[in-house]
PDB file of N, CA and C in Angstrom:
ATOM      1  N   UNK A   1       1.147  -1.511  -0.026  1.00  0.00           N
ATOM      2  CA  UNK A   1      -0.162   0.059   0.031  1.00  0.00           C
ATOM      3  C   UNK A   1       1.167   1.246   0.279  1.00  0.00           C
ATOM      4  N   UNK A   2       1.165   2.011  -1.052  1.00  0.00           N
ATOM      5  CA  UNK A   2       1.440   3.781  -0.903  1.00  0.00           C
ATOM      6  C   UNK A   2       0.626   4.161   0.402  1.00  0.00           C
ATOM      7  N   UNK A   3       1.389   5.016   0.291  1.00  0.00           N
ATOM      8  CA  UNK A   3       0.855   6.288   1.376  1.00  0.00           C
ATOM      9  C   UNK A   3       1.136   7.649   1.040  1.00  0.00           C
ATOM     10  N   UNK A   4       0.837   8.920   0.768  1.00  0.00           N
ATOM     11  CA  UNK A   4       1.039  10.127   0.725  1.00  0.00           C
ATOM     12  C   UNK A   4       1.686  10.741   1.633  1.00  0.00           C
ATOM     13  N   UNK A   5       2.987  11.662   1.364  1.00  0.00           N
ATOM     14  CA  UNK A   5       3.462  11.814   2.531  1.00  0.00           C
ATOM     15  C   UNK A   5       2.191  12.878   3.312  1.00  0.00           C
ATOM     16  N   UNK A   6       2.484  13.322   4.404  1.00  0.00           N
ATOM     17  CA  UNK A   6       1.739  14.461   5.136  1.00  0.00           C
ATOM     18  C   UNK A   6       2.636  15.407   5.160  1.00  0.00           C
ATOM     19  N   UNK A   7       1.797  16.670   5.336  1.00  0.00           N
ATOM     20  CA  UNK A   7       2.180  17.719   5.462  1.00  0.00           C
ATOM     21  C   UNK A   7       1.614  18.762   6.606  1.00  0.00           C
ATOM     22  N   UNK A   8       1.924  18.994   7.932  1.00  0.00           N
ATOM     23  CA  UNK A   8       1.210  19.634   8.495  1.00  0.00           C
ATOM     24  C   UNK A   8       1.264  20.545   8.397  1.00  0.00           C
ATOM     25  N   UNK A   9       0.254  21.823   8.659  1.00  0.00           N
ATOM     26  CA  UNK A   9       0.615  23.231   8.099  1.00  0.00           C
ATOM     27  C   UNK A   9      -0.621  24.127   9.729  1.00  0.00           C
ATOM     28  N   UNK A  10       0.001  24.771  10.532  1.00  0.00           N
ATOM     29  CA  UNK A  10      -0.051  25.444  10.934  1.00  0.00           C
ATOM     30  C   UNK A  10      -0.355  26.987  10.839  1.00  0.00           C
ATOM     31  N   UNK A  11      -1.312  27.645  11.802  1.00  0.00           N
ATOM     32  CA  UNK A  11      -1.303  28.943  11.565  1.00  0.00           C
ATOM     33  C   UNK A  11      -0.092  30.189  11.800  1.00  0.00           C
ATOM     34  N   UNK A  12      -0.133  30.989  10.449  1.00  0.00           N
ATOM     35  CA  UNK A  12       0.834  31.898  10.976  1.00  0.00           C
ATOM     36  C   UNK A  12       1.173  32.620  12.163  1.00  0.00           C
ATOM     37  N   UNK A  13       0.523  32.764  13.389  1.00  0.00           N
ATOM     38  CA  UNK A  13      -0.072  33.572  14.464  1.00  0.00           C
ATOM     39  C   UNK A  13       1.262  32.469  15.336  1.00  0.00           C
ATOM     40  N   UNK A  14       1.515  31.585  14.502  1.00  0.00           N
ATOM     41  CA  UNK A  14       1.894  30.402  15.545  1.00  0.00           C
ATOM     42  C   UNK A  14       3.874  30.298  15.598  1.00  0.00           C
ATOM     43  N   UNK A  15       4.101  31.837  14.425  1.00  0.00           N
ATOM     44  CA  UNK A  15       5.750  31.787  13.974  1.00  0.00           C
ATOM     45  C   UNK A  15       5.829  33.045  14.675  1.00  0.00           C
ATOM     46  N   UNK A  16       7.341  33.180  14.513  1.00  0.00           N
ATOM     47  CA  UNK A  16       7.613  34.919  14.745  1.00  0.00           C
ATOM     48  C   UNK A  16       8.896  34.771  13.249  1.00  0.00           C
ATOM     49  N   UNK A  17       8.086  36.198  12.965  1.00  0.00           N
ATOM     50  CA  UNK A  17       9.387  37.330  11.523  1.00  0.00           C
ATOM     51  C   UNK A  17      10.003  38.170  11.904  1.00  0.00           C
ATOM     52  N   UNK A  18      10.864  38.111  11.659  1.00  0.00           N
ATOM     53  CA  UNK A  18      12.122  39.623  11.246  1.00  0.00           C
ATOM     54  C   UNK A  18      12.910  39.865  10.478  1.00  0.00           C
ATOM     55  N   UNK A  19      13.701  40.459  10.397  1.00  0.00           N
ATOM     56  CA  UNK A  19      15.017  40.396   9.578  1.00  0.00           C
ATOM     57  C   UNK A  19      16.036  40.710   9.691  1.00  0.00           C
ATOM     58  N   UNK A  20      16.756  40.636   9.292  1.00  0.00           N
ATOM     59  CA  UNK A  20      18.154  40.547   9.872  1.00  0.00           C
ATOM     60  C   UNK A  20      19.359  41.724   8.844  1.00  0.00           C
ATOM     61  N   UNK A  21      19.910  41.915   9.706  1.00  0.00           N
ATOM     62  CA  UNK A  21      21.216  42.515   8.483  1.00  0.00           C
ATOM     63  C   UNK A  21      22.100  42.059   7.609  1.00  0.00           C
ATOM     64  N   UNK A  22      22.125  42.217   6.284  1.00  0.00           N
ATOM     65  CA  UNK A  22      22.945  41.348   4.980  1.00  0.00           C
ATOM     66  C   UNK A  22      23.940  41.330   5.484  1.00  0.00           C
ATOM     67  N   UNK A  23      24.706  40.021   5.488  1.00  0.00           N
ATOM     68  CA  UNK A  23      26.165  39.501   5.800  1.00  0.00           C
ATOM     69  C   UNK A  23      27.122  38.684   4.430  1.00  0.00           C
ATOM     70  N   UNK A  24      27.913  39.634   4.865  1.00  0.00           N
ATOM     71  CA  UNK A  24      28.930  39.824   3.430  1.00  0.00           C
ATOM     72  C   UNK A  24      29.219  38.210   3.055  1.00  0.00           C
ATOM     73  N   UNK A  25      29.852  37.584   1.640  1.00  0.00           N
ATOM     74  CA  UNK A  25      30.097  36.918   1.556  1.00  0.00           C
ATOM     75  C   UNK A  25      31.480  36.438   1.565  1.00  0.00           C
ATOM     76  N   UNK A  26      31.496  35.527   2.817  1.00  0.00           N
ATOM     77  CA  UNK A  26      32.836  34.901   3.123  1.00  0.00           C
ATOM     78  C   UNK A  26      34.198  34.730   1.237  1.00  0.00           C
ATOM     79  N   UNK A  27      33.321  34.550   0.584  1.00  0.00           N
ATOM     80  CA  UNK A  27      34.279  33.647  -0.436  1.00  0.00           C
ATOM     81  C   UNK A  27      33.740  34.573  -1.564  1.00  0.00           C
ATOM     82  N   UNK A  28      34.682  34.573  -2.525  1.00  0.00           N
ATOM     83  CA  UNK A  28      34.586  34.821  -4.231  1.00  0.00           C
ATOM     84  C   UNK A  28      33.968  34.334  -5.318  1.00  0.00           C
ATOM     85  N   UNK A  29      34.211  33.187  -4.936  1.00  0.00           N
ATOM     86  CA  UNK A  29      33.641  31.882  -6.040  1.00  0.00           C
ATOM     87  C   UNK A  29      32.956  30.512  -5.324  1.00  0.00           C
ATOM     88  N   UNK A  30      32.173  29.811  -5.680  1.00  0.00           N
ATOM     89  CA  UNK A  30      32.012  28.781  -5.171  1.00  0.00           C
ATOM     90  C   UNK A  30      32.961  27.936  -5.471  1.00  0.00           C
ATOM     91  N   UNK A  31      33.998  27.842  -5.843  1.00  0.00           N
ATOM     92  CA  UNK A  31      35.170  26.755  -5.498  1.00  0.00           C
ATOM     93  C   UNK A  31      35.644  26.919  -4.385  1.00  0.00           C
ATOM     94  N   UNK A  32      35.908  28.555  -3.783  1.00  0.00           N
ATOM     95  CA  UNK A  32      36.477  28.843  -2.522  1.00  0.00           C
ATOM     96  C   UNK A  32      35.718  28.790  -1.305  1.00  0.00           C
ATOM     97  N   UNK A  33      34.254  28.402  -1.653  1.00  0.00           N
ATOM     98  CA  UNK A  33      33.291  28.243  -0.666  1.00  0.00           C
ATOM     99  C   UNK A  33      32.938  26.893  -0.215  1.00  0.00           C
ATOM    100  N   UNK A  34      33.577  26.112  -1.794  1.00  0.00           N
ATOM    101  CA  UNK A  34      33.401  24.502  -0.942  1.00  0.00           C
ATOM    102  C   UNK A  34      34.198  24.053  -0.325  1.00  0.00           C
ATOM    103  N   UNK A  35      35.461  24.522  -0.836  1.00  0.00           N
ATOM    104  CA  UNK A  35      37.001  24.419  -0.378  1.00  0.00           C
ATOM    105  C   UNK A  35      36.720  24.491   1.248  1.00  0.00           C
ATOM    106  N   UNK A  36      35.918  25.726   1.543  1.00  0.00           N
ATOM    107  CA  UNK A  36      35.487  26.454   3.296  1.00  0.00           C
ATOM    108  C   UNK A  36      34.728  25.484   3.548  1.00  0.00           C
ATOM    109  N   UNK A  37      33.910  24.789   2.619  1.00  0.00           N
ATOM    110  CA  UNK A  37      32.772  24.010   3.624  1.00  0.00           C
ATOM    111  C   UNK A  37      33.404  22.693   3.820  1.00  0.00           C
ATOM    112  N   UNK A  38      34.596  22.303   2.645  1.00  0.00           N
ATOM    113  CA  UNK A  38      34.978  20.954   3.577  1.00  0.00           C
ATOM    114  C   UNK A  38      36.310  20.908   4.257  1.00  0.00           C
ATOM    115  N   UNK A  39      36.843  21.943   4.759  1.00  0.00           N
ATOM    116  CA  UNK A  39      37.862  22.101   5.784  1.00  0.00           C
ATOM    117  C   UNK A  39      36.618  22.207   7.349  1.00  0.00           C
ATOM    118  N   UNK A  40      35.171  22.753   7.156  1.00  0.00           N
ATOM    119  CA  UNK A  40      34.593  23.339   8.517  1.00  0.00           C
ATOM    120  C   UNK A  40      33.954  21.726   8.636  1.00  0.00           C
ATOM    121  N   UNK A  41      33.336  20.619   7.542  1.00  0.00           N
ATOM    122  CA  UNK A  41      33.470  19.399   7.788  1.00  0.00           C
ATOM    123  C   UNK A  41      34.519  18.208   8.734  1.00  0.00           C
ATOM    124  N   UNK A  42      35.479  18.690   7.604  1.00  0.00           N
ATOM    125  CA  UNK A  42      36.894  18.181   8.138  1.00  0.00           C
ATOM    126  C   UNK A  42      37.060  18.035  10.359  1.00  0.00           C
ATOM    127  N   UNK A  43      36.897  19.432  10.233  1.00  0.00           N
ATOM    128  CA  UNK A  43      36.662  19.581  11.710  1.00  0.00           C
ATOM    129  C   UNK A  43      35.684  19.264  12.478  1.00  0.00           C
ATOM    130  N   UNK A  44      34.511  19.464  12.154  1.00  0.00           N
ATOM    131  CA  UNK A  44      33.293  19.477  12.754  1.00  0.00           C
ATOM    132  C   UNK A  44      32.472  18.679  12.942  1.00  0.00           C
ATOM    133  N   UNK A  45      32.193  17.869  11.556  1.00  0.00           N
ATOM    134  CA  UNK A  45      31.299  16.553  11.156  1.00  0.00           C
ATOM    135  C   UNK A  45      30.217  17.305  10.100  1.00  0.00           C
ATOM    136  N   UNK A  46      29.142  16.559  10.507  1.00  0.00           N
ATOM    137  CA  UNK A  46      27.756  17.094   9.955  1.00  0.00           C
ATOM    138  C   UNK A  46      27.641  17.716  10.994  1.00  0.00           C
ATOM    139  N   UNK A  47      26.116  18.713   9.763  1.00  0.00           N
ATOM    140  CA  UNK A  47      26.061  19.987  10.216  1.00  0.00           C
ATOM    141  C   UNK A  47      24.451  19.314  11.511  1.00  0.00           C
ATOM    142  N   UNK A  48      24.127  19.705  12.668  1.00  0.00           N
ATOM    143  CA  UNK A  48      23.122  18.719  12.962  1.00  0.00           C
ATOM    144  C   UNK A  48      21.993  20.009  13.302  1.00  0.00           C
ATOM    145  N   UNK A  49      21.869  21.356  12.459  1.00  0.00           N
ATOM    146  CA  UNK A  49      20.997  22.539  13.162  1.00  0.00           C
ATOM    147  C   UNK A  49      21.143  23.393  11.651  1.00  0.00           C
ATOM    148  N   UNK A  50      20.057  23.945  11.795  1.00  0.00           N
ATOM    149  CA  UNK A  50      19.974  24.951  10.331  1.00  0.00           C
ATOM    150  C   UNK A  50      19.218  26.361  11.398  1.00  0.00           C
ATOM    151  N   UNK A  51      19.729  27.322  10.839  1.00  0.00           N
ATOM    152  CA  UNK A  51      19.275  28.566  11.304  1.00  0.00           C
ATOM    153  C   UNK A  51      17.997  28.537  10.506  1.00  0.00           C
ATOM    154  N   UNK A  52      17.318  28.350   9.837  1.00  0.00           N
ATOM    155  CA  UNK A  52      16.368  28.241   8.993  1.00  0.00           C
ATOM    156  C   UNK A  52      15.745  28.010   7.977  1.00  0.00           C
ATOM    157  N   UNK A  53      14.118  28.091   7.812  1.00  0.00           N
ATOM    158  CA  UNK A  53      13.914  26.923   6.830  1.00  0.00           C
ATOM    159  C   UNK A  53      12.614  27.726   5.537  1.00  0.00           C
ATOM    160  N   UNK A  54      12.608  28.350   4.758  1.00  0.00           N
ATOM    161  CA  UNK A  54      11.818  28.870   3.942  1.00  0.00           C
ATOM    162  C   UNK A  54      11.049  27.929   2.546  1.00  0.00           C
ATOM    163  N   UNK A  55      10.093  27.743   3.180  1.00  0.00           N
ATOM    164  CA  UNK A  55       9.242  26.759   1.740  1.00  0.00           C
ATOM    165  C   UNK A  55       8.574  27.358   1.118  1.00  0.00           C
ATOM    166  N   UNK A  56       8.241  27.453   0.086  1.00  0.00           N
ATOM    167  CA  UNK A  56       7.157  28.804  -0.518  1.00  0.00           C
ATOM    168  C   UNK A  56       6.408  26.953  -1.506  1.00  0.00           C
ATOM    169  N   UNK A  57       5.429  27.265  -1.932  1.00  0.00           N
ATOM    170  CA  UNK A  57       4.483  26.440  -2.870  1.00  0.00           C
ATOM    171  C   UNK A  57       3.825  26.920  -3.784  1.00  0.00           C
ATOM    172  N   UNK A  58       4.516  26.821  -4.636  1.00  0.00           N
ATOM    173  CA  UNK A  58       3.210  27.279  -5.875  1.00  0.00           C
ATOM    174  C   UNK A  58       2.308  26.549  -6.686  1.00  0.00           C
ATOM    175  N   UNK A  59       1.488  27.401  -6.850  1.00  0.00           N
ATOM    176  CA  UNK A  59       0.141  26.795  -7.641  1.00  0.00           C
ATOM    177  C   UNK A  59       0.174  25.489  -8.336  1.00  0.00           C
ATOM    178  N   UNK A  60       2.118  25.293  -9.325  1.00  0.00           N
ATOM    179  CA  UNK A  60       2.659  23.878  -9.784  1.00  0.00           C
ATOM    180  C   UNK A  60       3.382  23.317  -8.888  1.00  0.00           C
ATOM    181  N   UNK A  61       3.064  23.095  -7.291  1.00  0.00           N
ATOM    182  CA  UNK A  61       3.140  22.533  -6.898  1.00  0.00           C
ATOM    183  C   UNK A  61       5.225  22.548  -6.658  1.00  0.00           C
ATOM    184  N   UNK A  62       5.923  23.895  -7.501  1.00  0.00           N
ATOM    185  CA  UNK A  62       7.295  24.117  -7.501  1.00  0.00           C
ATOM    186  C   UNK A  62       7.362  24.256  -5.901  1.00  0.00           C
ATOM    187  N   UNK A  63       9.243  24.896  -5.522  1.00  0.00           N
ATOM    188  CA  UNK A  63       9.716  25.042  -4.296  1.00  0.00           C
ATOM    189  C   UNK A  63      10.650  26.320  -4.971  1.00  0.00           C
ATOM    190  N   UNK A  64      10.218  26.901  -3.934  1.00  0.00           N
ATOM    191  CA  UNK A  64      11.005  28.537  -3.895  1.00  0.00           C
ATOM    192  C   UNK A  64      12.345  28.315  -3.140  1.00  0.00           C
ATOM    193  N   UNK A  65      13.223  29.531  -4.343  1.00  0.00           N
ATOM    194  CA  UNK A  65      14.515  29.057  -3.410  1.00  0.00           C
ATOM    195  C   UNK A  65      14.883  30.921  -3.923  1.00  0.00           C
ATOM    196  N   UNK A  66      16.204  31.190  -2.961  1.00  0.00           N
ATOM    197  CA  UNK A  66      17.388  31.936  -3.103  1.00  0.00           C
ATOM    198  C   UNK A  66      18.425  31.406  -3.676  1.00  0.00           C
ATOM    199  N   UNK A  67      18.763  33.028  -4.836  1.00  0.00           N
ATOM    200  CA  UNK A  67      19.919  33.574  -5.303  1.00  0.00           C
ATOM    201  C   UNK A  67      21.192  33.492  -4.338  1.00  0.00           C
ATOM    202  N   UNK A  68      22.092  33.209  -4.292  1.00  0.00           N
ATOM    203  CA  UNK A  68      22.967  34.278  -3.762  1.00  0.00           C
ATOM    204  C   UNK A  68      24.021  35.109  -4.682  1.00  0.00           C
ATOM    205  N   UNK A  69      24.830  35.445  -4.124  1.00  0.00           N
ATOM    206  CA  UNK A  69      25.494  36.642  -4.974  1.00  0.00           C
ATOM    207  C   UNK A  69      26.960  36.211  -5.707  1.00  0.00           C
ATOM    208  N   UNK A  70      26.650  35.067  -5.584  1.00  0.00           N
ATOM    209  CA  UNK A  70      27.866  33.988  -6.303  1.00  0.00           C
ATOM    210  C   UNK A  70      26.890  32.387  -7.296  1.00  0.00           C
ATOM    211  N   UNK A  71      25.796  33.111  -7.323  1.00  0.00           N
ATOM    212  CA  UNK A  71      25.016  32.315  -8.656  1.00  0.00           C
ATOM    213  C   UNK A  71      24.631  30.502  -7.903  1.00  0.00           C
ATOM    214  N   UNK A  72      24.952  30.633  -6.855  1.00  0.00           N
ATOM    215  CA  UNK A  72      24.085  29.290  -6.438  1.00  0.00           C
ATOM    216  C   UNK A  72      23.194  29.412  -5.242  1.00  0.00           C
ATOM    217  N   UNK A  73      22.226  28.520  -5.605  1.00  0.00           N
ATOM    218  CA  UNK A  73      21.510  27.982  -4.836  1.00  0.00           C
ATOM    219  C   UNK A  73      20.708  27.899  -3.547  1.00  0.00           C
ATOM    220  N   UNK A  74      19.844  28.068  -3.073  1.00  0.00           N
ATOM    221  CA  UNK A  74      19.596  28.169  -1.416  1.00  0.00           C
ATOM    222  C   UNK A  74      18.140  27.495  -1.552  1.00  0.00           C
ATOM    223  N   UNK A  75      18.131  26.704  -1.041  1.00  0.00           N
ATOM    224  CA  UNK A  75      16.557  26.256  -1.067  1.00  0.00           C
ATOM    225  C   UNK A  75      16.458  26.687   0.056  1.00  0.00           C
TER     226      UNK A  75
END
C-alpha cells in the first residue's frame, strides 16, 4: 500500500518573523565556498541544526529558492 506524505500546516500566528542585517559573502567563488565547507566538515562533522527553513509552494507545486550573489542556489 502506498501512502501519501503528510505535511502539517499551522496558523501563521504560531510563528515569529523578523529581519536581519545582510551578511557579506565570505567567499569570492563557488570553488572557494566548497573548499571552506570541506575544511569545516573535516573539523566539525555533519551539521546537526539549521538557522531556518523557507518553503514556498506555488500552484504548480514547485519549491522556491534564493539565489546568492555567487549564483549558487539555496533552498
